[in-house]
C-alpha cells in the first residue's frame, strides 16, 4: 500500500519523501502499512485493535510530516496521512 498526504500544502516531492519515511518507520516496527492502517481504523471505530500497530501509524504520520514540513509541529491542521488510493 502506497501512502500520500492530503491537504498537505506541500510539493509532491516533499510529500513523497515524507511518505517514504512513514513507510520505513512502520516496517521498522515489524508491521505492514496495511496492518498499521487497519489498526487505526479499528481504533477509530472503537473496535479491538493492535495498540503497537496503531502507535506505529501515529508515529509514522509524525515522521512523514516532519520530513514534509520540517521538524516541529507547525503542520497544516488539515493534513492527513492516508493510503494513496484514498487521496
N, C-alpha and C. Protein backbone atom coordinates (compact mmCIF):
# COMPACT_ATOMS: atom_id res chain seq x y z
N UNK A 1 0.85 -1.17 0.00
CA UNK A 1 0.00 0.00 0.00
C UNK A 1 0.90 1.23 0.00
N UNK A 2 0.65 2.11 -0.94
CA UNK A 2 1.36 3.37 -1.00
C UNK A 2 0.61 4.40 -0.16
N UNK A 3 1.35 5.36 0.35
CA UNK A 3 0.76 6.41 1.18
C UNK A 3 0.82 7.76 0.48
N UNK A 4 0.01 8.69 0.98
CA UNK A 4 0.02 10.06 0.48
C UNK A 4 -0.45 10.97 1.61
N UNK A 5 -0.10 12.23 1.52
CA UNK A 5 -0.57 13.21 2.49
C UNK A 5 -1.54 14.13 1.78
N UNK A 6 -2.79 14.15 2.23
CA UNK A 6 -3.80 15.01 1.63
C UNK A 6 -3.87 16.33 2.38
N UNK A 7 -4.34 17.35 1.67
CA UNK A 7 -4.43 18.71 2.22
C UNK A 7 -3.09 19.15 2.77
N UNK A 8 -2.03 18.84 2.02
CA UNK A 8 -0.69 18.99 2.52
C UNK A 8 -0.07 20.37 2.35
N UNK A 9 -0.52 21.12 1.33
CA UNK A 9 0.12 22.41 1.06
C UNK A 9 1.63 22.23 0.92
N UNK A 10 2.04 21.16 0.24
CA UNK A 10 3.46 20.86 0.05
C UNK A 10 3.65 20.33 -1.36
N UNK A 11 4.90 20.32 -1.80
CA UNK A 11 5.20 19.80 -3.14
C UNK A 11 5.06 18.28 -3.17
N UNK A 12 4.84 17.76 -4.35
CA UNK A 12 4.75 16.30 -4.49
C UNK A 12 6.04 15.64 -4.03
N UNK A 13 7.18 16.25 -4.31
CA UNK A 13 8.47 15.67 -3.90
C UNK A 13 8.57 15.60 -2.38
N UNK A 14 8.13 16.65 -1.69
CA UNK A 14 8.16 16.63 -0.22
C UNK A 14 7.19 15.59 0.35
N UNK A 15 6.03 15.49 -0.26
CA UNK A 15 5.05 14.50 0.19
C UNK A 15 5.60 13.10 -0.03
N UNK A 16 6.17 12.84 -1.18
CA UNK A 16 6.74 11.52 -1.46
C UNK A 16 7.84 11.17 -0.46
N UNK A 17 8.70 12.13 -0.15
CA UNK A 17 9.77 11.89 0.84
C UNK A 17 9.17 11.59 2.20
N UNK A 18 8.16 12.32 2.59
CA UNK A 18 7.51 12.08 3.87
C UNK A 18 6.85 10.70 3.92
N UNK A 19 6.22 10.31 2.83
CA UNK A 19 5.56 9.00 2.80
C UNK A 19 6.57 7.86 2.82
N UNK A 20 7.70 8.04 2.18
CA UNK A 20 8.76 7.01 2.27
C UNK A 20 9.23 6.85 3.71
N UNK A 21 9.37 7.97 4.40
CA UNK A 21 9.78 7.92 5.81
C UNK A 21 8.74 7.19 6.65
N UNK A 22 7.46 7.47 6.39
CA UNK A 22 6.38 6.81 7.13
C UNK A 22 6.39 5.31 6.88
N UNK A 23 6.52 4.92 5.61
CA UNK A 23 6.54 3.50 5.27
C UNK A 23 7.71 2.79 5.93
N UNK A 24 8.87 3.45 5.94
CA UNK A 24 10.06 2.85 6.55
C UNK A 24 9.88 2.70 8.06
N UNK A 25 9.29 3.68 8.70
CA UNK A 25 9.09 3.59 10.14
C UNK A 25 8.14 2.45 10.49
N UNK A 26 7.06 2.33 9.76
CA UNK A 26 6.11 1.25 10.02
C UNK A 26 6.80 -0.10 9.85
N UNK A 27 7.56 -0.26 8.78
CA UNK A 27 8.27 -1.52 8.53
C UNK A 27 9.28 -1.80 9.63
N UNK A 28 9.94 -0.75 10.13
CA UNK A 28 10.94 -0.95 11.18
C UNK A 28 10.32 -1.44 12.48
N UNK A 29 9.03 -1.20 12.65
CA UNK A 29 8.32 -1.68 13.84
C UNK A 29 7.76 -3.08 13.65
N UNK A 30 7.98 -3.65 12.46
CA UNK A 30 7.55 -5.01 12.20
C UNK A 30 6.14 -5.14 11.67
N UNK A 31 5.58 -4.07 11.15
CA UNK A 31 4.22 -4.09 10.62
C UNK A 31 4.21 -3.74 9.15
N UNK A 32 3.16 -4.14 8.47
CA UNK A 32 2.93 -3.66 7.12
C UNK A 32 2.13 -2.36 7.23
N UNK A 33 2.16 -1.58 6.18
CA UNK A 33 1.35 -0.36 6.15
C UNK A 33 -0.12 -0.73 6.29
N UNK A 34 -0.51 -1.81 5.65
CA UNK A 34 -1.91 -2.25 5.71
C UNK A 34 -2.34 -2.57 7.13
N UNK A 35 -1.48 -3.28 7.87
CA UNK A 35 -1.81 -3.67 9.25
C UNK A 35 -1.89 -2.44 10.16
N UNK A 36 -0.97 -1.51 9.98
CA UNK A 36 -0.97 -0.31 10.81
C UNK A 36 -2.22 0.53 10.51
N UNK A 37 -2.57 0.66 9.24
CA UNK A 37 -3.76 1.42 8.88
C UNK A 37 -5.03 0.74 9.40
N UNK A 38 -5.09 -0.58 9.29
CA UNK A 38 -6.25 -1.33 9.80
C UNK A 38 -6.41 -1.12 11.30
N UNK A 39 -5.29 -1.07 12.02
CA UNK A 39 -5.35 -0.85 13.47
C UNK A 39 -5.93 0.53 13.79
N UNK A 40 -5.53 1.53 13.02
CA UNK A 40 -6.03 2.89 13.25
C UNK A 40 -7.53 2.96 12.93
N UNK A 41 -7.93 2.32 11.85
CA UNK A 41 -9.36 2.31 11.51
C UNK A 41 -10.16 1.61 12.60
N UNK A 42 -9.65 0.50 13.11
CA UNK A 42 -10.35 -0.22 14.17
C UNK A 42 -10.43 0.64 15.44
N UNK A 43 -9.34 1.32 15.76
CA UNK A 43 -9.35 2.20 16.94
C UNK A 43 -10.40 3.29 16.77
N UNK A 44 -10.48 3.87 15.60
CA UNK A 44 -11.45 4.93 15.33
C UNK A 44 -12.88 4.40 15.46
N UNK A 45 -13.07 3.16 15.04
CA UNK A 45 -14.39 2.55 15.13
C UNK A 45 -14.69 1.92 16.48
N UNK A 46 -13.78 2.14 17.43
CA UNK A 46 -13.93 1.59 18.77
C UNK A 46 -14.03 0.07 18.77
N UNK A 47 -13.29 -0.54 17.84
CA UNK A 47 -13.20 -1.98 17.78
C UNK A 47 -11.89 -2.41 18.42
N UNK A 48 -11.70 -3.69 18.60
CA UNK A 48 -10.43 -4.19 19.11
C UNK A 48 -9.35 -3.90 18.08
N UNK A 49 -8.16 -3.49 18.56
CA UNK A 49 -7.08 -3.16 17.64
C UNK A 49 -5.74 -3.45 18.30
N UNK A 50 -4.74 -3.60 17.46
CA UNK A 50 -3.37 -3.82 17.92
C UNK A 50 -2.77 -2.45 18.27
N UNK A 51 -2.55 -2.23 19.55
CA UNK A 51 -2.05 -0.93 20.00
C UNK A 51 -0.69 -0.58 19.42
N UNK A 52 0.18 -1.58 19.29
CA UNK A 52 1.51 -1.31 18.74
C UNK A 52 1.42 -0.93 17.27
N UNK A 53 0.53 -1.55 16.53
CA UNK A 53 0.36 -1.21 15.12
C UNK A 53 -0.23 0.19 14.97
N UNK A 54 -1.20 0.54 15.81
CA UNK A 54 -1.77 1.89 15.76
C UNK A 54 -0.73 2.94 16.14
N UNK A 55 0.10 2.63 17.13
CA UNK A 55 1.17 3.54 17.54
C UNK A 55 2.17 3.72 16.40
N UNK A 56 2.46 2.63 15.68
CA UNK A 56 3.36 2.73 14.53
C UNK A 56 2.79 3.69 13.49
N UNK A 57 1.48 3.61 13.25
CA UNK A 57 0.85 4.53 12.30
C UNK A 57 0.95 5.98 12.80
N UNK A 58 0.63 6.19 14.06
CA UNK A 58 0.68 7.54 14.61
C UNK A 58 2.09 8.12 14.50
N UNK A 59 3.08 7.31 14.85
CA UNK A 59 4.47 7.77 14.77
C UNK A 59 4.90 7.97 13.32
N UNK A 60 4.39 7.14 12.42
CA UNK A 60 4.71 7.27 11.00
C UNK A 60 4.14 8.57 10.44
N UNK A 61 2.95 8.92 10.88
CA UNK A 61 2.35 10.17 10.43
C UNK A 61 3.22 11.34 10.90
N UNK A 62 3.66 11.31 12.14
CA UNK A 62 4.55 12.37 12.64
C UNK A 62 5.85 12.40 11.85
N UNK A 63 6.41 11.24 11.53
CA UNK A 63 7.65 11.18 10.75
C UNK A 63 7.43 11.74 9.35
N UNK A 64 6.31 11.40 8.73
CA UNK A 64 6.00 11.91 7.39
C UNK A 64 5.89 13.42 7.41
N UNK A 65 5.19 13.95 8.40
CA UNK A 65 5.04 15.39 8.49
C UNK A 65 6.36 16.08 8.79
N UNK A 66 7.19 15.45 9.63
CA UNK A 66 8.49 16.01 9.94
C UNK A 66 9.36 16.15 8.71
N UNK A 67 9.33 15.13 7.86
CA UNK A 67 10.12 15.18 6.62
C UNK A 67 9.50 16.18 5.64
N UNK A 68 8.20 16.16 5.53
CA UNK A 68 7.50 17.01 4.56
C UNK A 68 7.57 18.49 4.92
N UNK A 69 7.42 18.81 6.18
CA UNK A 69 7.33 20.20 6.61
C UNK A 69 8.49 20.68 7.47
N UNK A 70 9.37 19.79 7.86
CA UNK A 70 10.44 20.15 8.78
C UNK A 70 10.05 19.76 10.19
N UNK A 71 11.05 19.61 11.01
CA UNK A 71 10.80 19.19 12.39
C UNK A 71 9.98 20.24 13.13
N UNK A 72 9.35 19.81 14.19
CA UNK A 72 8.45 20.68 14.94
C UNK A 72 7.03 20.23 14.69
N UNK A 73 6.08 21.04 15.04
CA UNK A 73 4.68 20.66 14.81
C UNK A 73 3.90 21.76 14.13
N UNK A 74 4.58 22.55 13.31
CA UNK A 74 3.92 23.61 12.57
C UNK A 74 3.46 23.07 11.22
N UNK A 75 2.50 22.14 11.28
CA UNK A 75 1.99 21.48 10.09
C UNK A 75 0.58 21.97 9.82
N UNK A 76 0.15 21.91 8.56
CA UNK A 76 -1.24 22.30 8.27
C UNK A 76 -2.22 21.45 9.10
N UNK A 77 -3.21 22.09 9.66
CA UNK A 77 -4.17 21.41 10.52
C UNK A 77 -4.93 20.30 9.80
N UNK A 78 -5.17 20.48 8.50
CA UNK A 78 -5.98 19.52 7.76
C UNK A 78 -5.17 18.40 7.11
N UNK A 79 -3.84 18.45 7.20
CA UNK A 79 -3.01 17.42 6.57
C UNK A 79 -3.22 16.07 7.25
N UNK A 80 -3.36 15.02 6.42
CA UNK A 80 -3.62 13.68 6.93
C UNK A 80 -2.86 12.67 6.07
N UNK A 81 -2.25 11.70 6.72
CA UNK A 81 -1.60 10.59 6.03
C UNK A 81 -2.67 9.54 5.73
N UNK A 82 -2.78 9.16 4.45
CA UNK A 82 -3.80 8.20 4.03
C UNK A 82 -3.22 7.26 2.98
N UNK A 83 -3.88 6.13 2.75
CA UNK A 83 -3.49 5.32 1.59
C UNK A 83 -3.64 6.15 0.32
N UNK A 84 -2.71 6.01 -0.60
CA UNK A 84 -2.71 6.83 -1.82
C UNK A 84 -3.99 6.68 -2.62
N UNK A 85 -4.60 5.50 -2.58
CA UNK A 85 -5.83 5.31 -3.36
C UNK A 85 -7.03 6.06 -2.77
N UNK A 86 -6.86 6.66 -1.59
CA UNK A 86 -7.92 7.45 -0.99
C UNK A 86 -7.64 8.95 -1.09
N UNK A 87 -6.51 9.29 -1.69
CA UNK A 87 -6.11 10.71 -1.79
C UNK A 87 -6.87 11.43 -2.87
